[in-house]
Amino acid sequence: MIDFKNGTYVKLKKIGETPNDINDLLIPGEELIGSYKGIDDYVVFTSKRVISVNAQGLTGKKKDFTSLPYSKILSVGTSDLFGVDRVEMHFSGLGSVKFDFTSDSDLVKIGEIINRAVYENAIREEAREEGRVQMRIDIISIVMKKKGMTYEETCDFLDIPKEEWSWYREGVEEKRQSIISDD
């Protein structure tokens, strides 16, 4: 388990082959990007997430797997300090994790994939918000028509906070015009 209070993986070196125990964790369509080993632990970057493996005990046979999906990343930062490349990821509801890599890492590819995932998540969230706004506009329009209320009466009837009334007015007016033209 990643200790999010410490949250730093130090001097991760690229390893040629991904350890076998990771292959069973991959989902269909998930591609391996790179595997990196620390002292006892290792980290695998895929096209969808970071998988952290913490080897426990003296033999290291007991392992703790942590999956960090890119969909939960709020922001990413990178830096280069004395020949060590650092990637810091801030996860929604979890905290921050820092990965320090030696110079032979493939940070460009990892960065591209993570940045694409963060961008796609922002687009999805924006679309969800637009859907919520459109749903509220539809409800206001229907109630106005069915109850014969003004816009202000309807917003008050639906317990919409007054500071939000202006957000929906233009959309409701467009919706009312389309309803009138359909009738």
C-alpha atoms as a PDB file:
ATOM      1  CA  MET A   1       0.000   0.000   0.000  1.00  0.00           C
ATOM      2  CA  ILE A   2       1.320   3.427  -0.869  1.00  0.00           C
ATOM      3  CA  ASP A   3       1.991   5.611   2.136  1.00  0.00           C
ATOM      4  CA  PHE A   4       0.416   8.859   0.936  1.00  0.00           C
ATOM      5  CA  LYS A   5       1.988  10.799   3.809  1.00  0.00           C
ATOM      6  CA  ASN A   6       5.466   9.892   2.586  1.00  0.00           C
ATOM      7  CA  GLY A   7       4.391   8.996  -0.934  1.00  0.00           C
ATOM      8  CA  THR A   8       7.821   9.033  -2.573  1.00  0.00           C
ATOM      9  CA  TYR A   9       9.364   6.274  -4.647  1.00  0.00           C
ATOM     10  CA  VAL A  10      13.070   7.021  -4.917  1.00  0.00           C
ATOM     11  CA  LYS A  11      15.502   6.270  -7.754  1.00  0.00           C
ATOM     12  CA  LEU A  12      13.328   4.025  -9.832  1.00  0.00           C
ATOM     13  CA  LYS A  13      15.358   2.258 -12.507  1.00  0.00           C
ATOM     14  CA  LYS A  14      13.834   0.990 -15.704  1.00  0.00           C
ATOM     15  CA  ILE A  15      13.697  -2.804 -15.838  1.00  0.00           C
ATOM     16  CA  GLY A  16      13.578  -4.719 -19.088  1.00  0.00           C
ATOM     17  CA  GLU A  17      10.746  -7.136 -18.429  1.00  0.00           C
ATOM     18  CA  THR A  18       7.588  -6.527 -16.494  1.00  0.00           C
ATOM     19  CA  PRO A  19       7.279  -8.944 -13.567  1.00  0.00           C
ATOM     20  CA  ASN A  20       4.896 -11.845 -14.255  1.00  0.00           C
ATOM     21  CA  ASP A  21       2.534 -11.058 -11.376  1.00  0.00           C
ATOM     22  CA  ILE A  22       1.475  -7.841 -13.162  1.00  0.00           C
ATOM     23  CA  ASN A  23       0.144  -9.552 -16.300  1.00  0.00           C
ATOM     24  CA  ASP A  24      -2.768 -11.060 -14.361  1.00  0.00           C
ATOM     25  CA  LEU A  25      -3.837  -7.583 -13.236  1.00  0.00           C
ATOM     26  CA  LEU A  26      -4.124  -6.063 -16.711  1.00  0.00           C
ATOM     27  CA  ILE A  27      -7.565  -5.465 -18.180  1.00  0.00           C
ATOM     28  CA  PRO A  28      -8.417  -5.943 -21.877  1.00  0.00           C
ATOM     29  CA  GLY A  29      -6.921  -3.151 -23.966  1.00  0.00           C
ATOM     30  CA  GLU A  30      -4.478  -2.055 -21.267  1.00  0.00           C
ATOM     31  CA  GLU A  31      -0.916  -1.726 -22.547  1.00  0.00           C
ATOM     32  CA  LEU A  32       2.325  -1.766 -20.590  1.00  0.00           C
ATOM     33  CA  ILE A  33       4.342   1.445 -20.896  1.00  0.00           C
ATOM     34  CA  GLY A  34       7.238   0.846 -18.549  1.00  0.00           C
ATOM     35  CA  SER A  35       8.336  -0.974 -15.410  1.00  0.00           C
ATOM     36  CA  TYR A  36      10.620   0.572 -12.805  1.00  0.00           C
ATOM     37  CA  LYS A  37      12.266  -0.965  -9.761  1.00  0.00           C
ATOM     38  CA  GLY A  38      13.197   0.694  -6.486  1.00  0.00           C
ATOM     39  CA  ILE A  39      14.979  -1.085  -3.635  1.00  0.00           C
ATOM     40  CA  ASP A  40      12.341  -3.731  -2.871  1.00  0.00           C
ATOM     41  CA  ASP A  41       9.313  -2.268  -4.606  1.00  0.00           C
ATOM     42  CA  TYR A  42       8.455  -1.685  -8.213  1.00  0.00           C
ATOM     43  CA  VAL A  43       6.059   0.455 -10.198  1.00  0.00           C
ATOM     44  CA  VAL A  44       4.434  -0.308 -13.529  1.00  0.00           C
ATOM     45  CA  PHE A  45       2.950   2.355 -15.776  1.00  0.00           C
ATOM     46  CA  THR A  46       0.245   1.190 -18.168  1.00  0.00           C
ATOM     47  CA  SER A  47      -1.984   3.003 -20.621  1.00  0.00           C
ATOM     48  CA  LYS A  48      -4.673   3.283 -17.912  1.00  0.00           C
ATOM     49  CA  ARG A  49      -3.007   3.428 -14.495  1.00  0.00           C
ATOM     50  CA  VAL A  50       0.013   3.148 -12.253  1.00  0.00           C
ATOM     51  CA  ILE A  51       0.401  -0.176 -10.451  1.00  0.00           C
ATOM     52  CA  SER A  52       2.587   0.007  -7.371  1.00  0.00           C
ATOM     53  CA  VAL A  53       3.921  -3.228  -5.896  1.00  0.00           C
ATOM     54  CA  ASN A  54       5.234  -3.204  -2.355  1.00  0.00           C
ATOM     55  CA  ALA A  55       7.226  -6.341  -1.457  1.00  0.00           C
ATOM     56  CA  GLN A  56       6.850  -7.107   2.244  1.00  0.00           C
ATOM     57  CA  GLY A  57       8.866  -9.175   4.682  1.00  0.00           C
ATOM     58  CA  LEU A  58      12.409 -10.471   4.419  1.00  0.00           C
ATOM     59  CA  THR A  59      11.753 -12.711   1.438  1.00  0.00           C
ATOM     60  CA  GLY A  60       9.522 -10.273  -0.417  1.00  0.00           C
ATOM     61  CA  LYS A  61       7.091 -13.053  -1.334  1.00  0.00           C
ATOM     62  CA  LYS A  62       4.145 -11.247   0.208  1.00  0.00           C
ATOM     63  CA  LYS A  63       3.201  -8.323  -2.051  1.00  0.00           C
ATOM     64  CA  ASP A  64       0.794  -5.464  -1.749  1.00  0.00           C
ATOM     65  CA  PHE A  65      -0.603  -4.127  -5.031  1.00  0.00           C
ATOM     66  CA  THR A  66      -1.980  -0.594  -5.353  1.00  0.00           C
ATOM     67  CA  SER A  67      -3.761   0.508  -8.516  1.00  0.00           C
ATOM     68  CA  LEU A  68      -3.833   4.243  -9.196  1.00  0.00           C
ATOM     69  CA  PRO A  69      -6.072   4.964 -12.205  1.00  0.00           C
ATOM     70  CA  TYR A  70      -5.212   7.983 -14.298  1.00  0.00           C
ATOM     71  CA  SER A  71      -8.916   8.916 -14.157  1.00  0.00           C
ATOM     72  CA  LYS A  72      -8.386   9.978 -10.517  1.00  0.00           C
ATOM     73  CA  ILE A  73      -5.466  12.332 -11.240  1.00  0.00           C
ATOM     74  CA  LEU A  74      -6.198  15.985 -10.510  1.00  0.00           C
ATOM     75  CA  SER A  75      -2.811  17.349 -11.563  1.00  0.00           C
ATOM     76  CA  VAL A  76       0.686  16.293 -12.545  1.00  0.00           C
ATOM     77  CA  GLY A  77       3.996  18.043 -11.994  1.00  0.00           C
ATOM     78  CA  THR A  78       7.477  17.215 -13.232  1.00  0.00           C
ATOM     79  CA  SER A  79      10.930  18.402 -12.315  1.00  0.00           C
ATOM     80  CA  ASP A  80      14.572  17.557 -12.882  1.00  0.00           C
ATOM     81  CA  LEU A  81      16.796  17.862  -9.845  1.00  0.00           C
ATOM     82  CA  PHE A  82      20.453  16.817  -9.929  1.00  0.00           C
ATOM     83  CA  GLY A  83      19.924  14.209 -12.656  1.00  0.00           C
ATOM     84  CA  VAL A  84      16.799  12.746 -11.056  1.00  0.00           C
ATOM     85  CA  ASP A  85      13.537  13.110 -12.954  1.00  0.00           C
ATOM     86  CA  ARG A  86      10.539  13.550 -10.669  1.00  0.00           C
ATOM     87  CA  VAL A  87       6.870  13.089 -11.479  1.00  0.00           C
ATOM     88  CA  GLU A  88       4.379  14.153  -8.830  1.00  0.00           C
ATOM     89  CA  MET A  89       0.740  13.137  -9.213  1.00  0.00           C
ATOM     90  CA  HIS A  90      -2.135  14.478  -7.141  1.00  0.00           C
ATOM     91  CA  PHE A  91      -5.010  12.003  -6.890  1.00  0.00           C
ATOM     92  CA  SER A  92      -8.604  12.863  -6.080  1.00  0.00           C
ATOM     93  CA  GLY A  93      -9.456  11.627  -2.585  1.00  0.00           C
ATOM     94  CA  LEU A  94      -6.035  10.043  -2.053  1.00  0.00           C
ATOM     95  CA  GLY A  95      -3.242  12.590  -1.934  1.00  0.00           C
ATOM     96  CA  SER A  96       0.073  12.955  -3.721  1.00  0.00           C
ATOM     97  CA  VAL A  97       2.602  10.425  -4.927  1.00  0.00           C
ATOM     98  CA  LYS A  98       6.116  11.291  -6.124  1.00  0.00           C
ATOM     99  CA  PHE A  99       8.179   9.102  -8.392  1.00  0.00           C
ATOM    100  CA  ASP A 100      11.917   9.800  -8.693  1.00  0.00           C
ATOM    101  CA  PHE A 101      13.457   8.182 -11.772  1.00  0.00           C
ATOM    102  CA  THR A 102      17.023   7.655 -12.871  1.00  0.00           C
ATOM    103  CA  SER A 103      17.972   9.188 -16.201  1.00  0.00           C
ATOM    104  CA  ASP A 104      17.140   6.115 -18.322  1.00  0.00           C
ATOM    105  CA  SER A 105      13.377   6.406 -17.819  1.00  0.00           C
ATOM    106  CA  ASP A 106      10.820   6.991 -20.552  1.00  0.00           C
ATOM    107  CA  LEU A 107       9.163  10.009 -18.938  1.00  0.00           C
ATOM    108  CA  VAL A 108       8.103  11.582 -22.218  1.00  0.00           C
ATOM    109  CA  LYS A 109       5.827   8.650 -23.081  1.00  0.00           C
ATOM    110  CA  ILE A 110       4.554   8.368 -19.497  1.00  0.00           C
ATOM    111  CA  GLY A 111       3.893  12.122 -19.432  1.00  0.00           C
ATOM    112  CA  GLU A 112       1.990  12.017 -22.723  1.00  0.00           C
ATOM    113  CA  ILE A 113      -0.278   9.229 -21.513  1.00  0.00           C
ATOM    114  CA  ILE A 114      -0.953  10.816 -18.134  1.00  0.00           C
ATOM    115  CA  ASN A 115      -1.577  14.261 -19.648  1.00  0.00           C
ATOM    116  CA  ARG A 116      -3.975  12.761 -22.202  1.00  0.00           C
ATOM    117  CA  ALA A 117      -5.851  10.968 -19.403  1.00  0.00           C
ATOM    118  CA  VAL A 118      -6.090  14.135 -17.277  1.00  0.00           C
ATOM    119  CA  TYR A 119      -7.352  16.101 -20.310  1.00  0.00           C
ATOM    120  CA  GLU A 120      -9.940  13.429 -21.198  1.00  0.00           C
ATOM    121  CA  ASN A 121     -11.159  13.386 -17.583  1.00  0.00           C
ATOM    122  CA  ALA A 122     -11.613  17.156 -17.653  1.00  0.00           C
ATOM    123  CA  ILE A 123     -13.607  16.888 -20.894  1.00  0.00           C
ATOM    124  CA  ARG A 124     -15.825  14.138 -19.417  1.00  0.00           C
ATOM    125  CA  GLU A 125     -16.462  16.190 -16.269  1.00  0.00           C
ATOM    126  CA  GLU A 126     -17.341  19.234 -18.362  1.00  0.00           C
ATOM    127  CA  ALA A 127     -19.789  17.137 -20.413  1.00  0.00           C
ATOM    128  CA  ARG A 128     -21.399  15.790 -17.219  1.00  0.00           C
ATOM    129  CA  GLU A 129     -21.811  19.329 -15.913  1.00  0.00           C
ATOM    130  CA  GLU A 130     -23.357  20.454 -19.209  1.00  0.00           C
ATOM    131  CA  GLY A 131     -25.773  17.525 -18.944  1.00  0.00           C
ATOM    132  CA  ARG A 132     -26.807  18.590 -15.426  1.00  0.00           C
ATOM    133  CA  VAL A 133     -27.387  22.167 -16.587  1.00  0.00           C
ATOM    134  CA  GLN A 134     -29.442  20.986 -19.573  1.00  0.00           C
ATOM    135  CA  MET A 135     -31.521  18.745 -17.323  1.00  0.00           C
ATOM    136  CA  ARG A 136     -32.255  21.679 -14.983  1.00  0.00           C
ATOM    137  CA  ILE A 137     -33.228  23.835 -17.999  1.00  0.00           C
ATOM    138  CA  ASP A 138     -35.607  21.109 -19.209  1.00  0.00           C
ATOM    139  CA  ILE A 139     -37.231  20.795 -15.775  1.00  0.00           C
ATOM    140  CA  ILE A 140     -37.707  24.561 -15.414  1.00  0.00           C
ATOM    141  CA  SER A 141     -39.218  24.763 -18.903  1.00  0.00           C
ATOM    142  CA  ILE A 142     -41.645  21.902 -18.307  1.00  0.00           C
ATOM    143  CA  VAL A 143     -42.808  23.237 -14.931  1.00  0.00           C
ATOM    144  CA  MET A 144     -43.289  26.734 -16.404  1.00  0.00           C
ATOM    145  CA  LYS A 145     -45.472  25.337 -19.173  1.00  0.00           C
ATOM    146  CA  LYS A 146     -47.488  22.894 -17.020  1.00  0.00           C
ATOM    147  CA  LYS A 147     -48.106  25.297 -14.122  1.00  0.00           C
ATOM    148  CA  GLY A 148     -48.302  28.522 -16.136  1.00  0.00           C
ATOM    149  CA  MET A 149     -45.668  30.151 -13.897  1.00  0.00           C
ATOM    150  CA  THR A 150     -43.138  32.862 -14.653  1.00  0.00           C
ATOM    151  CA  TYR A 151     -39.449  31.999 -14.720  1.00  0.00           C
ATOM    152  CA  GLU A 152     -38.896  33.475 -11.252  1.00  0.00           C
ATOM    153  CA  GLU A 153     -41.946  31.695  -9.786  1.00  0.00           C
ATOM    154  CA  THR A 154     -40.746  28.397 -11.233  1.00  0.00           C
ATOM    155  CA  CYS A 155     -37.193  28.780  -9.880  1.00  0.00           C
ATOM    156  CA  ASP A 156     -38.631  29.629  -6.479  1.00  0.00           C
ATOM    157  CA  PHE A 157     -41.087  26.694  -6.692  1.00  0.00           C
ATOM    158  CA  LEU A 158     -38.179  24.313  -7.532  1.00  0.00           C
ATOM    159  CA  ASP A 159     -36.065  25.716  -4.659  1.00  0.00           C
ATOM    160  CA  ILE A 160     -33.287  26.816  -7.006  1.00  0.00           C
ATOM    161  CA  PRO A 161     -31.029  29.252  -5.131  1.00  0.00           C
ATOM    162  CA  LYS A 162     -31.555  32.834  -6.316  1.00  0.00           C
ATOM    163  CA  GLU A 163     -27.876  33.242  -7.170  1.00  0.00           C
ATOM    164  CA  GLU A 164     -28.294  30.440  -9.771  1.00  0.00           C
ATOM    165  CA  TRP A 165     -31.389  31.833 -11.481  1.00  0.00           C
ATOM    166  CA  SER A 166     -29.405  33.765 -14.088  1.00  0.00           C
ATOM    167  CA  TRP A 167     -27.456  30.637 -15.094  1.00  0.00           C
ATOM    168  CA  TYR A 168     -30.454  28.973 -16.705  1.00  0.00           C
ATOM    169  CA  ARG A 169     -32.497  31.944 -18.013  1.00  0.00           C
ATOM    170  CA  GLU A 170     -31.082  31.958 -21.569  1.00  0.00           C
ATOM    171  CA  GLY A 171     -31.390  28.190 -21.962  1.00  0.00           C
ATOM    172  CA  VAL A 172     -34.956  28.216 -20.642  1.00  0.00           C
ATOM    173  CA  GLU A 173     -35.893  31.004 -23.047  1.00  0.00           C
ATOM    174  CA  GLU A 174     -34.478  29.022 -25.985  1.00  0.00           C
ATOM    175  CA  LYS A 175     -36.311  25.905 -24.784  1.00  0.00           C
ATOM    176  CA  ARG A 176     -39.606  27.825 -24.444  1.00  0.00           C
ATOM    177  CA  GLN A 177     -39.245  29.181 -27.976  1.00  0.00           C
ATOM    178  CA  SER A 178     -38.698  25.660 -29.348  1.00  0.00           C
ATOM    179  CA  ILE A 179     -41.715  24.349 -27.371  1.00  0.00           C
ATOM    180  CA  ILE A 180     -43.895  27.195 -28.697  1.00  0.00           C
ATOM    181  CA  SER A 181     -42.784  26.525 -32.280  1.00  0.00           C
ATOM    182  CA  ASP A 182     -43.475  22.777 -31.835  1.00  0.00           C
ATOM    183  CA  ASP A 183     -47.030  23.467 -30.676  1.00  0.00           C
END
